[in-house]
Amino acid sequence: MSIGGSIFVIAIGAILRFAVTKQVAGVDLRTVGLILMIAGGAALVIALTMLALANRDRDPGPGTPPGPQPPAGPPTRY
């Protein structure tokens, strides 16, 4: 599930939890809303974590100063 999908699930859960006043036989809509909000929050955390891990090793692109260079050869002795 993507970030947008996670936010959508959280929004649907919030609507069911706080805005719907209808009664459905055998189903507590407030509990279903809470479950959807928790699941959406967990999916959002997972999506953001995966995004951060994917961008960690990414090439910084042009205009970024290069990092430190490794030594050219064996160290000289004095």
PDB file of N, CA and C in Angstrom:
ATOM      1  N   MET A   1       0.854  -1.165   0.000  1.00  0.00           N
ATOM      2  CA  MET A   1       0.000   0.000   0.000  1.00  0.00           C
ATOM      3  C   MET A   1       0.902   1.231   0.000  1.00  0.00           C
ATOM      4  N   SER A   2       0.547   2.196  -0.797  1.00  0.00           N
ATOM      5  CA  SER A   2       1.360   3.408  -0.903  1.00  0.00           C
ATOM      6  C   SER A   2       0.990   4.399   0.198  1.00  0.00           C
ATOM      7  N   ILE A   3       1.685   5.522   0.192  1.00  0.00           N
ATOM      8  CA  ILE A   3       1.407   6.566   1.178  1.00  0.00           C
ATOM      9  C   ILE A   3       0.000   7.104   0.984  1.00  0.00           C
ATOM     10  N   GLY A   4      -0.384   7.330  -0.259  1.00  0.00           N
ATOM     11  CA  GLY A   4      -1.731   7.835  -0.535  1.00  0.00           C
ATOM     12  C   GLY A   4      -2.809   6.848  -0.126  1.00  0.00           C
ATOM     13  N   GLY A   5      -2.573   5.565  -0.385  1.00  0.00           N
ATOM     14  CA  GLY A   5      -3.533   4.544   0.023  1.00  0.00           C
ATOM     15  C   GLY A   5      -3.667   4.465   1.531  1.00  0.00           C
ATOM     16  N   SER A   6      -2.558   4.614   2.226  1.00  0.00           N
ATOM     17  CA  SER A   6      -2.591   4.588   3.690  1.00  0.00           C
ATOM     18  C   SER A   6      -3.405   5.752   4.240  1.00  0.00           C
ATOM     19  N   ILE A   7      -3.190   6.923   3.690  1.00  0.00           N
ATOM     20  CA  ILE A   7      -3.942   8.101   4.135  1.00  0.00           C
ATOM     21  C   ILE A   7      -5.423   7.925   3.826  1.00  0.00           C
ATOM     22  N   PHE A   8      -5.743   7.325   2.690  1.00  0.00           N
ATOM     23  CA  PHE A   8      -7.137   7.072   2.330  1.00  0.00           C
ATOM     24  C   PHE A   8      -7.793   6.126   3.341  1.00  0.00           C
ATOM     25  N   VAL A   9      -7.099   5.060   3.728  1.00  0.00           N
ATOM     26  CA  VAL A   9      -7.643   4.118   4.703  1.00  0.00           C
ATOM     27  C   VAL A   9      -7.833   4.795   6.055  1.00  0.00           C
ATOM     28  N   ILE A  10      -6.893   5.652   6.448  1.00  0.00           N
ATOM     29  CA  ILE A  10      -7.035   6.399   7.701  1.00  0.00           C
ATOM     30  C   ILE A  10      -8.263   7.306   7.635  1.00  0.00           C
ATOM     31  N   ALA A  11      -8.465   7.971   6.500  1.00  0.00           N
ATOM     32  CA  ALA A  11      -9.612   8.870   6.354  1.00  0.00           C
ATOM     33  C   ALA A  11     -10.933   8.107   6.405  1.00  0.00           C
ATOM     34  N   ILE A  12     -11.022   6.971   5.733  1.00  0.00           N
ATOM     35  CA  ILE A  12     -12.241   6.159   5.770  1.00  0.00           C
ATOM     36  C   ILE A  12     -12.505   5.687   7.202  1.00  0.00           C
ATOM     37  N   GLY A  13     -11.462   5.269   7.886  1.00  0.00           N
ATOM     38  CA  GLY A  13     -11.613   4.845   9.279  1.00  0.00           C
ATOM     39  C   GLY A  13     -12.091   5.970  10.171  1.00  0.00           C
ATOM     40  N   ALA A  14     -11.564   7.175   9.970  1.00  0.00           N
ATOM     41  CA  ALA A  14     -11.990   8.322  10.775  1.00  0.00           C
ATOM     42  C   ALA A  14     -13.451   8.673  10.503  1.00  0.00           C
ATOM     43  N   ILE A  15     -13.863   8.566   9.246  1.00  0.00           N
ATOM     44  CA  ILE A  15     -15.266   8.832   8.917  1.00  0.00           C
ATOM     45  C   ILE A  15     -16.165   7.818   9.615  1.00  0.00           C
ATOM     46  N   LEU A  16     -15.798   6.550   9.551  1.00  0.00           N
ATOM     47  CA  LEU A  16     -16.611   5.521  10.211  1.00  0.00           C
ATOM     48  C   LEU A  16     -16.605   5.696  11.729  1.00  0.00           C
ATOM     49  N   ARG A  17     -15.483   6.090  12.271  1.00  0.00           N
ATOM     50  CA  ARG A  17     -15.355   6.215  13.731  1.00  0.00           C
ATOM     51  C   ARG A  17     -16.098   7.428  14.279  1.00  0.00           C
ATOM     52  N   PHE A  18     -16.000   8.574  13.596  1.00  0.00           N
ATOM     53  CA  PHE A  18     -16.503   9.811  14.185  1.00  0.00           C
ATOM     54  C   PHE A  18     -17.737  10.404  13.510  1.00  0.00           C
ATOM     55  N   ALA A  19     -18.019  10.066  12.254  1.00  0.00           N
ATOM     56  CA  ALA A  19     -19.075  10.772  11.529  1.00  0.00           C
ATOM     57  C   ALA A  19     -20.307   9.932  11.229  1.00  0.00           C
ATOM     58  N   VAL A  20     -20.177   8.627  11.200  1.00  0.00           N
ATOM     59  CA  VAL A  20     -21.320   7.787  10.833  1.00  0.00           C
ATOM     60  C   VAL A  20     -22.131   7.471  12.084  1.00  0.00           C
ATOM     61  N   THR A  21     -23.428   7.708  11.998  1.00  0.00           N
ATOM     62  CA  THR A  21     -24.315   7.433  13.128  1.00  0.00           C
ATOM     63  C   THR A  21     -25.276   6.289  12.837  1.00  0.00           C
ATOM     64  N   LYS A  22     -25.211   5.715  11.657  1.00  0.00           N
ATOM     65  CA  LYS A  22     -26.076   4.585  11.304  1.00  0.00           C
ATOM     66  C   LYS A  22     -25.712   3.362  12.131  1.00  0.00           C
ATOM     67  N   GLN A  23     -26.695   2.517  12.361  1.00  0.00           N
ATOM     68  CA  GLN A  23     -26.484   1.249  13.045  1.00  0.00           C
ATOM     69  C   GLN A  23     -26.610   0.119  12.032  1.00  0.00           C
ATOM     70  N   VAL A  24     -25.651  -0.792  12.042  1.00  0.00           N
ATOM     71  CA  VAL A  24     -25.690  -1.958  11.178  1.00  0.00           C
ATOM     72  C   VAL A  24     -25.759  -3.180  12.091  1.00  0.00           C
ATOM     73  N   ALA A  25     -26.697  -4.079  11.802  1.00  0.00           N
ATOM     74  CA  ALA A  25     -26.872  -5.251  12.656  1.00  0.00           C
ATOM     75  C   ALA A  25     -25.625  -6.135  12.606  1.00  0.00           C
ATOM     76  N   GLY A  26     -25.069  -6.427  13.783  1.00  0.00           N
ATOM     77  CA  GLY A  26     -23.930  -7.324  13.875  1.00  0.00           C
ATOM     78  C   GLY A  26     -22.580  -6.695  13.634  1.00  0.00           C
ATOM     79  N   VAL A  27     -22.532  -5.399  13.323  1.00  0.00           N
ATOM     80  CA  VAL A  27     -21.264  -4.726  13.036  1.00  0.00           C
ATOM     81  C   VAL A  27     -21.215  -3.417  13.820  1.00  0.00           C
ATOM     82  N   ASP A  28     -20.151  -3.230  14.563  1.00  0.00           N
ATOM     83  CA  ASP A  28     -19.935  -1.964  15.258  1.00  0.00           C
ATOM     84  C   ASP A  28     -19.051  -1.094  14.373  1.00  0.00           C
ATOM     85  N   LEU A  29     -19.654  -0.089  13.743  1.00  0.00           N
ATOM     86  CA  LEU A  29     -18.913   0.742  12.787  1.00  0.00           C
ATOM     87  C   LEU A  29     -17.814   1.556  13.456  1.00  0.00           C
ATOM     88  N   ARG A  30     -17.993   1.899  14.734  1.00  0.00           N
ATOM     89  CA  ARG A  30     -16.936   2.631  15.444  1.00  0.00           C
ATOM     90  C   ARG A  30     -15.686   1.758  15.588  1.00  0.00           C
ATOM     91  N   THR A  31     -15.873   0.472  15.866  1.00  0.00           N
ATOM     92  CA  THR A  31     -14.735  -0.440  15.990  1.00  0.00           C
ATOM     93  C   THR A  31     -14.082  -0.676  14.636  1.00  0.00           C
ATOM     94  N   VAL A  32     -14.894  -0.822  13.592  1.00  0.00           N
ATOM     95  CA  VAL A  32     -14.336  -0.990  12.241  1.00  0.00           C
ATOM     96  C   VAL A  32     -13.527   0.245  11.854  1.00  0.00           C
ATOM     97  N   GLY A  33     -14.018   1.429  12.179  1.00  0.00           N
ATOM     98  CA  GLY A  33     -13.288   2.665  11.902  1.00  0.00           C
ATOM     99  C   GLY A  33     -11.966   2.724  12.640  1.00  0.00           C
ATOM    100  N   LEU A  34     -11.977   2.315  13.899  1.00  0.00           N
ATOM    101  CA  LEU A  34     -10.738   2.306  14.678  1.00  0.00           C
ATOM    102  C   LEU A  34      -9.727   1.327  14.093  1.00  0.00           C
ATOM    103  N   ILE A  35     -10.199   0.141  13.706  1.00  0.00           N
ATOM    104  CA  ILE A  35      -9.312  -0.853  13.101  1.00  0.00           C
ATOM    105  C   ILE A  35      -8.713  -0.321  11.803  1.00  0.00           C
ATOM    106  N   LEU A  36      -9.523   0.344  10.983  1.00  0.00           N
ATOM    107  CA  LEU A  36      -9.010   0.906   9.725  1.00  0.00           C
ATOM    108  C   LEU A  36      -7.981   2.008   9.984  1.00  0.00           C
ATOM    109  N   MET A  37      -8.223   2.848  10.985  1.00  0.00           N
ATOM    110  CA  MET A  37      -7.256   3.910  11.293  1.00  0.00           C
ATOM    111  C   MET A  37      -5.935   3.319  11.774  1.00  0.00           C
ATOM    112  N   ILE A  38      -5.982   2.288  12.595  1.00  0.00           N
ATOM    113  CA  ILE A  38      -4.752   1.651  13.076  1.00  0.00           C
ATOM    114  C   ILE A  38      -4.013   0.980  11.923  1.00  0.00           C
ATOM    115  N   ALA A  39      -4.752   0.261  11.079  1.00  0.00           N
ATOM    116  CA  ALA A  39      -4.119  -0.412   9.940  1.00  0.00           C
ATOM    117  C   ALA A  39      -3.520   0.602   8.964  1.00  0.00           C
ATOM    118  N   GLY A  40      -4.227   1.690   8.718  1.00  0.00           N
ATOM    119  CA  GLY A  40      -3.703   2.735   7.835  1.00  0.00           C
ATOM    120  C   GLY A  40      -2.465   3.400   8.410  1.00  0.00           C
ATOM    121  N   GLY A  41      -2.459   3.626   9.717  1.00  0.00           N
ATOM    122  CA  GLY A  41      -1.280   4.213  10.364  1.00  0.00           C
ATOM    123  C   GLY A  41      -0.075   3.293  10.284  1.00  0.00           C
ATOM    124  N   ALA A  42      -0.308   1.995  10.508  1.00  0.00           N
ATOM    125  CA  ALA A  42       0.790   1.033  10.409  1.00  0.00           C
ATOM    126  C   ALA A  42       1.317   0.958   8.970  1.00  0.00           C
ATOM    127  N   ALA A  43       0.409   0.958   8.005  1.00  0.00           N
ATOM    128  CA  ALA A  43       0.836   0.920   6.602  1.00  0.00           C
ATOM    129  C   ALA A  43       1.597   2.182   6.224  1.00  0.00           C
ATOM    130  N   LEU A  44       1.190   3.322   6.774  1.00  0.00           N
ATOM    131  CA  LEU A  44       1.891   4.583   6.500  1.00  0.00           C
ATOM    132  C   LEU A  44       3.312   4.543   7.052  1.00  0.00           C
ATOM    133  N   VAL A  45       3.471   4.029   8.253  1.00  0.00           N
ATOM    134  CA  VAL A  45       4.811   3.918   8.847  1.00  0.00           C
ATOM    135  C   VAL A  45       5.683   2.990   8.003  1.00  0.00           C
ATOM    136  N   ILE A  46       5.127   1.865   7.566  1.00  0.00           N
ATOM    137  CA  ILE A  46       5.889   0.924   6.733  1.00  0.00           C
ATOM    138  C   ILE A  46       6.267   1.565   5.402  1.00  0.00           C
ATOM    139  N   ALA A  47       5.327   2.278   4.771  1.00  0.00           N
ATOM    140  CA  ALA A  47       5.609   2.920   3.481  1.00  0.00           C
ATOM    141  C   ALA A  47       6.694   3.980   3.610  1.00  0.00           C
ATOM    142  N   LEU A  48       6.627   4.788   4.664  1.00  0.00           N
ATOM    143  CA  LEU A  48       7.646   5.827   4.861  1.00  0.00           C
ATOM    144  C   LEU A  48       9.007   5.218   5.176  1.00  0.00           C
ATOM    145  N   THR A  49       9.022   4.125   5.934  1.00  0.00           N
ATOM    146  CA  THR A  49      10.282   3.449   6.240  1.00  0.00           C
ATOM    147  C   THR A  49      10.909   2.873   4.973  1.00  0.00           C
ATOM    148  N   MET A  50      10.090   2.240   4.154  1.00  0.00           N
ATOM    149  CA  MET A  50      10.620   1.673   2.910  1.00  0.00           C
ATOM    150  C   MET A  50      11.114   2.771   1.973  1.00  0.00           C
ATOM    151  N   LEU A  51      10.428   3.893   1.939  1.00  0.00           N
ATOM    152  CA  LEU A  51      10.859   5.016   1.113  1.00  0.00           C
ATOM    153  C   LEU A  51      12.201   5.565   1.605  1.00  0.00           C
ATOM    154  N   ALA A  52      12.338   5.690   2.909  1.00  0.00           N
ATOM    155  CA  ALA A  52      13.596   6.195   3.467  1.00  0.00           C
ATOM    156  C   ALA A  52      14.746   5.231   3.188  1.00  0.00           C
ATOM    157  N   LEU A  53      14.491   3.933   3.320  1.00  0.00           N
ATOM    158  CA  LEU A  53      15.548   2.955   3.052  1.00  0.00           C
ATOM    159  C   LEU A  53      15.918   2.918   1.574  1.00  0.00           C
ATOM    160  N   ALA A  54      14.953   3.112   0.693  1.00  0.00           N
ATOM    161  CA  ALA A  54      15.240   3.093  -0.741  1.00  0.00           C
ATOM    162  C   ALA A  54      16.055   4.319  -1.159  1.00  0.00           C
ATOM    163  N   ASN A  55      15.853   5.444  -0.497  1.00  0.00           N
ATOM    164  CA  ASN A  55      16.558   6.675  -0.861  1.00  0.00           C
ATOM    165  C   ASN A  55      17.893   6.829  -0.134  1.00  0.00           C
ATOM    166  N   ARG A  56      18.184   5.954   0.803  1.00  0.00           N
ATOM    167  CA  ARG A  56      19.413   6.099   1.587  1.00  0.00           C
ATOM    168  C   ARG A  56      20.663   5.919   0.740  1.00  0.00           C
ATOM    169  N   ASP A  57      20.679   4.940  -0.145  1.00  0.00           N
ATOM    170  CA  ASP A  57      21.868   4.653  -0.945  1.00  0.00           C
ATOM    171  C   ASP A  57      21.796   5.266  -2.333  1.00  0.00           C
ATOM    172  N   ARG A  58      20.893   6.157  -2.533  1.00  0.00           N
ATOM    173  CA  ARG A  58      20.690   6.752  -3.849  1.00  0.00           C
ATOM    174  C   ARG A  58      21.785   7.759  -4.175  1.00  0.00           C
ATOM    175  N   ASP A  59      22.122   7.868  -5.454  1.00  0.00           N
ATOM    176  CA  ASP A  59      23.108   8.839  -5.910  1.00  0.00           C
ATOM    177  C   ASP A  59      22.575  10.245  -5.649  1.00  0.00           C
ATOM    178  N   PRO A  60      23.362  11.118  -5.020  1.00  0.00           N
ATOM    179  CA  PRO A  60      22.856  12.450  -4.693  1.00  0.00           C
ATOM    180  C   PRO A  60      22.620  13.339  -5.906  1.00  0.00           C
ATOM    181  N   GLY A  61      23.181  13.003  -7.051  1.00  0.00           N
ATOM    182  CA  GLY A  61      22.919  13.776  -8.259  1.00  0.00           C
ATOM    183  C   GLY A  61      23.947  14.865  -8.494  1.00  0.00           C
ATOM    184  N   PRO A  62      23.772  15.612  -9.589  1.00  0.00           N
ATOM    185  CA  PRO A  62      24.743  16.657  -9.916  1.00  0.00           C
ATOM    186  C   PRO A  62      24.649  17.833  -8.944  1.00  0.00           C
ATOM    187  N   GLY A  63      25.780  18.516  -8.799  1.00  0.00           N
ATOM    188  CA  GLY A  63      25.812  19.690  -7.938  1.00  0.00           C
ATOM    189  C   GLY A  63      26.124  19.366  -6.494  1.00  0.00           C
ATOM    190  N   THR A  64      26.219  18.106  -6.155  1.00  0.00           N
ATOM    191  CA  THR A  64      26.543  17.718  -4.793  1.00  0.00           C
ATOM    192  C   THR A  64      28.043  17.492  -4.709  1.00  0.00           C
ATOM    193  N   PRO A  65      28.691  18.092  -3.732  1.00  0.00           N
ATOM    194  CA  PRO A  65      30.144  17.896  -3.629  1.00  0.00           C
ATOM    195  C   PRO A  65      30.459  16.432  -3.354  1.00  0.00           C
ATOM    196  N   PRO A  66      31.534  15.934  -3.936  1.00  0.00           N
ATOM    197  CA  PRO A  66      31.884  14.523  -3.724  1.00  0.00           C
ATOM    198  C   PRO A  66      32.322  14.283  -2.287  1.00  0.00           C
ATOM    199  N   GLY A  67      32.169  13.076  -1.864  1.00  0.00           N
ATOM    200  CA  GLY A  67      32.586  12.688  -0.521  1.00  0.00           C
ATOM    201  C   GLY A  67      34.087  12.539  -0.451  1.00  0.00           C
ATOM    202  N   PRO A  68      34.590  12.139   0.697  1.00  0.00           N
ATOM    203  CA  PRO A  68      36.042  11.984   0.837  1.00  0.00           C
ATOM    204  C   PRO A  68      36.557  10.879  -0.073  1.00  0.00           C
ATOM    205  N   GLN A  69      37.736  11.124  -0.660  1.00  0.00           N
ATOM    206  CA  GLN A  69      38.349  10.165  -1.572  1.00  0.00           C
ATOM    207  C   GLN A  69      39.237   9.206  -0.776  1.00  0.00           C
ATOM    208  N   PRO A  70      39.278   7.944  -1.166  1.00  0.00           N
ATOM    209  CA  PRO A  70      40.173   6.999  -0.485  1.00  0.00           C
ATOM    210  C   PRO A  70      41.618   7.327  -0.827  1.00  0.00           C
ATOM    211  N   PRO A  71      42.547   6.902   0.016  1.00  0.00           N
ATOM    212  CA  PRO A  71      43.968   7.183  -0.282  1.00  0.00           C
ATOM    213  C   PRO A  71      44.392   6.518  -1.590  1.00  0.00           C
ATOM    214  N   ALA A  72      45.336   7.175  -2.279  1.00  0.00           N
ATOM    215  CA  ALA A  72      45.761   6.717  -3.585  1.00  0.00           C
ATOM    216  C   ALA A  72      46.602   5.446  -3.514  1.00  0.00           C
ATOM    217  N   GLY A  73      47.350   5.260  -2.481  1.00  0.00           N
ATOM    218  CA  GLY A  73      48.235   4.102  -2.394  1.00  0.00           C
ATOM    219  C   GLY A  73      48.567   3.817  -0.934  1.00  0.00           C
ATOM    220  N   PRO A  74      49.579   2.972  -0.756  1.00  0.00           N
ATOM    221  CA  PRO A  74      49.950   2.673   0.631  1.00  0.00           C
ATOM    222  C   PRO A  74      50.561   3.908   1.288  1.00  0.00           C
ATOM    223  N   PRO A  75      50.389   4.033   2.575  1.00  0.00           N
ATOM    224  CA  PRO A  75      50.931   5.207   3.267  1.00  0.00           C
ATOM    225  C   PRO A  75      52.468   5.205   3.219  1.00  0.00           C
ATOM    226  N   THR A  76      53.020   6.396   3.150  1.00  0.00           N
ATOM    227  CA  THR A  76      54.489   6.511   3.127  1.00  0.00           C
ATOM    228  C   THR A  76      55.019   6.515   4.547  1.00  0.00           C
ATOM    229  N   ARG A  77      56.247   5.972   4.697  1.00  0.00           N
ATOM    230  CA  ARG A  77      56.879   5.955   6.019  1.00  0.00           C
ATOM    231  C   ARG A  77      57.925   7.043   6.063  1.00  0.00           C
ATOM    232  N   TYR A  78      58.048   7.641   7.184  1.00  0.00           N
ATOM    233  CA  TYR A  78      59.029   8.727   7.335  1.00  0.00           C
ATOM    234  C   TYR A  78      60.260   8.239   8.007  1.00  0.00           C
TER     235      TYR A  78
END
